[in-house]
Amino acid sequence: MKIGIILETKEHEKAWNAIRFGVTALKLKHEVKLFLMGEAVEIESIVDETYDVMDQLNQFSEANGELLACGTCLISRKLDDTTSCPISTMVDCVELVTWADKTVTF
């Protein structure tokens, strides 16, 4: 199954659970794309011992999940794209939704 995940928050526990959901789906052999929108483009800056978002992001990447980030959201926060989070567009977000068999939003 193709699963699209849209993450719109940098709240530690919600971001951690969204990515953990993606990692679990990848381990179950699903294809997964994760689109970061709004404040979620800032998740690489989360430092939390209980909800280790960076560990989950690394697992997501290692399991070949595809990570996308809203370019407008990055620019408005004066953030640059990174190798783990390339600049994407709203067209990419729409394409994720139409590509996916199921889409979940956190």
Protein backbone atom coordinates (compact mmCIF):
# COMPACT_ATOMS: atom_id res chain seq x y z
CA MET A 1 0.00 0.00 0.00
CA LYS A 2 1.11 3.58 -0.63
CA ILE A 3 0.76 5.76 2.47
CA GLY A 4 1.01 9.54 2.51
CA ILE A 5 1.61 11.35 5.78
CA ILE A 6 1.14 15.09 6.20
CA LEU A 7 2.69 16.50 9.36
CA GLU A 8 1.67 20.03 10.37
CA THR A 9 3.07 20.35 13.90
CA LYS A 10 6.39 20.46 15.68
CA GLU A 11 4.77 19.33 18.92
CA HIS A 12 7.27 16.75 20.09
CA GLU A 13 5.01 13.79 20.84
CA LYS A 14 2.79 14.24 17.76
CA ALA A 15 5.76 14.63 15.42
CA TRP A 16 7.44 11.59 16.97
CA ASN A 17 4.27 9.49 16.60
CA ALA A 18 3.73 10.59 12.99
CA ILE A 19 7.23 9.59 11.98
CA ARG A 20 7.07 6.40 14.06
CA PHE A 21 3.86 5.53 12.17
CA GLY A 22 5.76 6.01 8.92
CA VAL A 23 8.69 3.89 10.10
CA THR A 24 6.33 1.10 11.14
CA ALA A 25 4.57 1.22 7.77
CA LEU A 26 7.92 1.01 5.97
CA LYS A 27 8.91 -2.00 8.09
CA LEU A 28 5.64 -3.62 7.00
CA LYS A 29 6.77 -3.10 3.37
CA HIS A 30 4.48 -0.19 2.51
CA GLU A 31 5.69 2.77 0.46
CA VAL A 32 5.60 5.96 2.53
CA LYS A 33 5.96 9.66 1.75
CA LEU A 34 6.02 12.26 4.53
CA PHE A 35 5.22 15.90 3.74
CA LEU A 36 6.19 18.54 6.31
CA MET A 37 3.95 21.60 6.29
CA GLY A 38 3.74 24.71 8.47
CA GLU A 39 5.73 24.53 11.68
CA ALA A 40 6.55 20.87 10.99
CA VAL A 41 9.41 22.04 8.75
CA GLU A 42 11.20 22.86 12.03
CA ILE A 43 11.17 19.29 13.41
CA GLU A 44 14.89 18.76 12.83
CA SER A 45 15.46 21.24 15.68
CA ILE A 46 13.43 19.22 18.22
CA VAL A 47 15.52 18.00 21.15
CA ASP A 48 13.60 15.74 23.51
CA GLU A 49 14.91 12.69 25.36
CA THR A 50 11.46 11.09 25.60
CA TYR A 51 10.34 11.81 22.03
CA ASP A 52 13.51 11.45 19.96
CA VAL A 53 12.27 12.86 16.67
CA MET A 54 15.71 12.82 15.02
CA ASP A 55 16.10 9.11 15.76
CA GLN A 56 12.74 8.45 14.10
CA LEU A 57 13.70 10.66 11.11
CA ASN A 58 16.93 8.70 10.72
CA GLN A 59 15.03 5.40 10.86
CA PHE A 60 12.53 6.76 8.31
CA SER A 61 15.35 7.74 5.96
CA GLU A 62 17.23 4.45 6.44
CA ALA A 63 14.03 2.53 5.60
CA ASN A 64 13.79 4.50 2.32
CA GLY A 65 10.87 6.71 3.27
CA GLU A 66 10.51 9.84 1.16
CA LEU A 67 10.61 13.14 3.05
CA LEU A 68 9.27 16.37 1.52
CA ALA A 69 8.95 19.87 2.99
CA CYS A 70 6.85 22.86 2.00
CA GLY A 71 9.17 25.38 0.38
CA THR A 72 7.00 28.36 1.31
CA CYS A 73 7.00 27.21 4.94
CA LEU A 74 10.81 26.85 4.91
CA ILE A 75 11.30 30.26 3.30
CA SER A 76 8.92 32.03 5.70
CA ARG A 77 11.05 30.68 8.57
CA LYS A 78 14.31 31.55 6.79
CA LEU A 79 15.27 27.87 6.68
CA ASP A 80 17.16 26.28 3.81
CA ASP A 81 16.48 22.92 2.30
CA THR A 82 18.69 20.11 3.55
CA THR A 83 19.59 16.76 2.13
CA SER A 84 17.07 15.16 4.48
CA CYS A 85 14.34 17.66 3.73
CA PRO A 86 14.39 19.07 0.17
CA ILE A 87 12.22 22.02 -0.79
CA SER A 88 8.88 20.88 -2.22
CA THR A 89 5.78 22.65 -3.47
CA MET A 90 2.05 22.49 -2.90
CA VAL A 91 1.91 20.60 -6.21
CA ASP A 92 4.13 17.95 -4.59
CA CYS A 93 1.73 17.78 -1.64
CA VAL A 94 -1.25 17.31 -3.96
CA GLU A 95 0.67 14.66 -5.88
CA LEU A 96 1.42 12.85 -2.60
CA VAL A 97 -2.30 12.75 -1.81
CA THR A 98 -3.24 11.49 -5.27
CA TRP A 99 -0.36 8.96 -5.26
CA ALA A 100 -1.30 7.51 -1.87
CA ASP A 101 -3.89 4.81 -1.31
CA LYS A 102 -4.41 6.34 2.14
CA THR A 103 -3.35 9.69 3.58
CA VAL A 104 -3.10 10.54 7.27
CA THR A 105 -2.53 13.94 8.82
CA PHE A 106 -0.91 14.67 12.16
